[in-house]
C-alpha atoms as a PDB file:
ATOM      1  CA  MET A   1       0.000   0.000   0.000  1.00  0.00           C
ATOM      2  CA  ALA A   2       1.391   3.375  -0.992  1.00  0.00           C
ATOM      3  CA  ASN A   3      -0.165   6.511   0.446  1.00  0.00           C
ATOM      4  CA  GLY A   4      -3.367   4.693   1.367  1.00  0.00           C
ATOM      5  CA  ILE A   5      -4.000   3.138  -2.064  1.00  0.00           C
ATOM      6  CA  PRO A   6      -3.651  -0.660  -1.876  1.00  0.00           C
ATOM      7  CA  ALA A   7      -2.083  -2.369  -4.908  1.00  0.00           C
ATOM      8  CA  HIS A   8      -5.290  -4.342  -5.503  1.00  0.00           C
ATOM      9  CA  HIS A   9      -7.044  -0.981  -6.053  1.00  0.00           C
ATOM     10  CA  VAL A  10      -4.996  -0.389  -9.204  1.00  0.00           C
ATOM     11  CA  THR A  11      -6.156  -1.986 -12.433  1.00  0.00           C
ATOM     12  CA  THR A  12      -5.639  -1.785 -16.158  1.00  0.00           C
ATOM     13  CA  ALA A  13      -9.395  -2.223 -16.587  1.00  0.00           C
ATOM     14  CA  ASP A  14     -11.866   0.655 -16.764  1.00  0.00           C
ATOM     15  CA  GLN A  15     -13.683  -0.589 -13.652  1.00  0.00           C
ATOM     16  CA  LEU A  16     -12.514  -2.093 -10.368  1.00  0.00           C
ATOM     17  CA  HIS A  17     -14.252  -5.435  -9.790  1.00  0.00           C
ATOM     18  CA  GLY A  18     -16.447  -5.389  -6.686  1.00  0.00           C
ATOM     19  CA  PHE A  19     -16.463  -1.594  -6.466  1.00  0.00           C
ATOM     20  CA  ARG A  20     -18.269   1.240  -8.122  1.00  0.00           C
ATOM     21  CA  ILE A  21     -16.661   4.494  -9.109  1.00  0.00           C
ATOM     22  CA  VAL A  22     -18.323   7.307  -7.193  1.00  0.00           C
ATOM     23  CA  ARG A  23     -16.071  10.117  -8.372  1.00  0.00           C
ATOM     24  CA  PRO A  24     -13.518  10.312 -11.173  1.00  0.00           C
ATOM     25  CA  LEU A  25     -10.714  12.692 -10.205  1.00  0.00           C
ATOM     26  CA  GLY A  26      -8.633  12.889 -13.374  1.00  0.00           C
ATOM     27  CA  ILE A  27      -5.428  11.667 -14.895  1.00  0.00           C
ATOM     28  CA  VAL A  28      -2.486  10.873 -12.631  1.00  0.00           C
ATOM     29  CA  ARG A  29       1.089  10.086 -13.562  1.00  0.00           C
ATOM     30  CA  GLY A  30       4.434   9.159 -12.176  1.00  0.00           C
ATOM     31  CA  ILE A  31       7.565   9.626 -14.234  1.00  0.00           C
ATOM     32  CA  THR A  32      11.173   8.680 -13.698  1.00  0.00           C
ATOM     33  CA  VAL A  33      14.186   9.063 -15.954  1.00  0.00           C
ATOM     34  CA  ARG A  34      16.980   6.536 -15.625  1.00  0.00           C
ATOM     35  CA  SER A  35      20.364   5.996 -17.220  1.00  0.00           C
ATOM     36  CA  ARG A  36      22.600   2.980 -17.417  1.00  0.00           C
ATOM     37  CA  SER A  37      26.017   3.284 -15.809  1.00  0.00           C
ATOM     38  CA  VAL A  38      29.228   2.457 -17.654  1.00  0.00           C
ATOM     39  CA  ILE A  39      29.809  -0.468 -15.282  1.00  0.00           C
ATOM     40  CA  GLY A  40      26.237  -1.662 -15.830  1.00  0.00           C
ATOM     41  CA  ASN A  41      26.717  -1.478 -19.590  1.00  0.00           C
ATOM     42  CA  LEU A  42      29.926  -3.527 -19.335  1.00  0.00           C
ATOM     43  CA  GLY A  43      28.201  -6.161 -17.226  1.00  0.00           C
ATOM     44  CA  ALA A  44      25.266  -6.272 -19.634  1.00  0.00           C
ATOM     45  CA  ALA A  45      27.640  -6.597 -22.599  1.00  0.00           C
ATOM     46  CA  LEU A  46      29.209  -9.626 -20.934  1.00  0.00           C
ATOM     47  CA  GLN A  47      25.762 -11.128 -20.315  1.00  0.00           C
ATOM     48  CA  THR A  48      24.846 -10.713 -23.987  1.00  0.00           C
ATOM     49  CA  LEU A  49      27.785 -12.950 -24.907  1.00  0.00           C
ATOM     50  CA  VAL A  50      26.189 -15.795 -22.968  1.00  0.00           C
ATOM     51  CA  GLY A  51      22.643 -15.069 -24.165  1.00  0.00           C
ATOM     52  CA  GLY A  52      19.361 -15.207 -22.311  1.00  0.00           C
ATOM     53  CA  ASN A  53      18.009 -12.716 -19.812  1.00  0.00           C
ATOM     54  CA  ILE A  54      20.181  -9.645 -19.288  1.00  0.00           C
ATOM     55  CA  SER A  55      19.514  -9.362 -15.561  1.00  0.00           C
ATOM     56  CA  ILE A  56      21.302  -6.008 -15.134  1.00  0.00           C
ATOM     57  CA  TYR A  57      18.868  -4.343 -17.535  1.00  0.00           C
ATOM     58  CA  THR A  58      15.913  -6.287 -16.166  1.00  0.00           C
ATOM     59  CA  GLU A  59      16.658  -4.996 -12.675  1.00  0.00           C
ATOM     60  CA  LEU A  60      17.080  -1.426 -13.945  1.00  0.00           C
ATOM     61  CA  CYS A  61      13.760  -1.577 -15.796  1.00  0.00           C
ATOM     62  CA  GLU A  62      11.935  -3.077 -12.821  1.00  0.00           C
ATOM     63  CA  LYS A  63      13.266  -0.387 -10.462  1.00  0.00           C
ATOM     64  CA  ALA A  64      12.211   2.345 -12.913  1.00  0.00           C
ATOM     65  CA  ARG A  65       8.696   0.883 -13.269  1.00  0.00           C
ATOM     66  CA  GLN A  66       8.313   0.536  -9.501  1.00  0.00           C
ATOM     67  CA  GLU A  67       9.444   4.126  -8.913  1.00  0.00           C
ATOM     68  CA  ALA A  68       7.073   5.468 -11.582  1.00  0.00           C
ATOM     69  CA  PHE A  69       4.221   3.370 -10.102  1.00  0.00           C
ATOM     70  CA  GLU A  70       4.857   4.701  -6.580  1.00  0.00           C
ATOM     71  CA  LEU A  71       4.976   8.292  -7.863  1.00  0.00           C
ATOM     72  CA  MET A  72       1.661   7.750  -9.663  1.00  0.00           C
ATOM     73  CA  LEU A  73       0.085   6.449  -6.442  1.00  0.00           C
ATOM     74  CA  GLN A  74       1.398   9.471  -4.541  1.00  0.00           C
ATOM     75  CA  HIS A  75      -0.140  11.773  -7.149  1.00  0.00           C
ATOM     76  CA  ALA A  76      -3.472   9.900  -6.925  1.00  0.00           C
ATOM     77  CA  ALA A  77      -3.514  10.011  -3.114  1.00  0.00           C
ATOM     78  CA  ALA A  78      -2.771  13.754  -3.179  1.00  0.00           C
ATOM     79  CA  MET A  79      -5.903  14.172  -5.312  1.00  0.00           C
ATOM     80  CA  GLY A  80      -7.983  12.233  -2.762  1.00  0.00           C
ATOM     81  CA  ALA A  81      -8.229   8.979  -4.735  1.00  0.00           C
ATOM     82  CA  ASN A  82      -8.497   5.530  -3.214  1.00  0.00           C
ATOM     83  CA  ALA A  83      -8.032   3.688  -6.534  1.00  0.00           C
ATOM     84  CA  VAL A  84      -6.570   4.036 -10.028  1.00  0.00           C
ATOM     85  CA  VAL A  85      -8.212   2.578 -13.129  1.00  0.00           C
ATOM     86  CA  ALA A  86      -7.020   2.307 -16.749  1.00  0.00           C
ATOM     87  CA  MET A  87      -3.404   2.175 -15.508  1.00  0.00           C
ATOM     88  CA  ARG A  88      -0.665   1.904 -18.133  1.00  0.00           C
ATOM     89  CA  TYR A  89       3.113   2.124 -18.512  1.00  0.00           C
ATOM     90  CA  ASP A  90       5.025   3.848 -21.276  1.00  0.00           C
ATOM     91  CA  ALA A  91       8.764   4.152 -21.879  1.00  0.00           C
ATOM     92  CA  ASN A  92      10.799   6.238 -24.284  1.00  0.00           C
ATOM     93  CA  ASP A  93      14.459   6.905 -24.924  1.00  0.00           C
ATOM     94  CA  VAL A  94      15.269  10.505 -24.030  1.00  0.00           C
ATOM     95  CA  ALA A  95      18.910  10.290 -25.111  1.00  0.00           C
ATOM     96  CA  GLU A  96      21.471   7.553 -25.728  1.00  0.00           C
ATOM     97  CA  GLY A  97      21.332   5.327 -22.637  1.00  0.00           C
ATOM     98  CA  VAL A  98      18.658   7.487 -20.937  1.00  0.00           C
ATOM     99  CA  THR A  99      15.076   6.241 -20.681  1.00  0.00           C
ATOM    100  CA  GLU A 100      11.931   7.737 -19.215  1.00  0.00           C
ATOM    101  CA  VAL A 101       9.321   5.462 -17.676  1.00  0.00           C
ATOM    102  CA  LEU A 102       5.808   6.776 -17.200  1.00  0.00           C
ATOM    103  CA  ALA A 103       3.042   5.158 -15.162  1.00  0.00           C
ATOM    104  CA  TYR A 104      -0.364   6.741 -15.696  1.00  0.00           C
ATOM    105  CA  GLY A 105      -4.051   6.143 -15.182  1.00  0.00           C
ATOM    106  CA  THR A 106      -7.264   7.698 -13.929  1.00  0.00           C
ATOM    107  CA  ALA A 107      -7.554   8.498 -10.234  1.00  0.00           C
ATOM    108  CA  VAL A 108     -10.967   7.640  -8.812  1.00  0.00           C
ATOM    109  CA  GLN A 109     -12.835   7.345  -5.556  1.00  0.00           C
ATOM    110  CA  VAL A 110     -14.547   3.966  -5.229  1.00  0.00           C
ATOM    111  CA  GLU A 111     -16.862   2.297  -2.758  1.00  0.00           C
ATOM    112  CA  ALA A 112     -17.882  -1.328  -2.362  1.00  0.00           C
ATOM    113  CA  ALA A 113     -20.653  -2.341  -4.764  1.00  0.00           C
END
């Protein structure tokens, strides 16, 4: 639970099962911009020689998504939401080796159906 919004109150669907939306509050977002370190790039280059999952990049991506998600929940809580619907992630390269990760959705107030 981050800022009073439990993880099970975040969904990619337009509705939250078992609840009804009583008040839509608007779009919320959390954004983080991350870069890969030189050491991380060297380690990843070595992993590519072996093949398979490049765990250094996987970990970097997961941390970026988690940070963006938490920032989105903070934004939603600040608006008075207790849930987020239609949640999505997006990622773009800002510069060579620099990526933005965006978590966004619609902040809502829900009550049990």
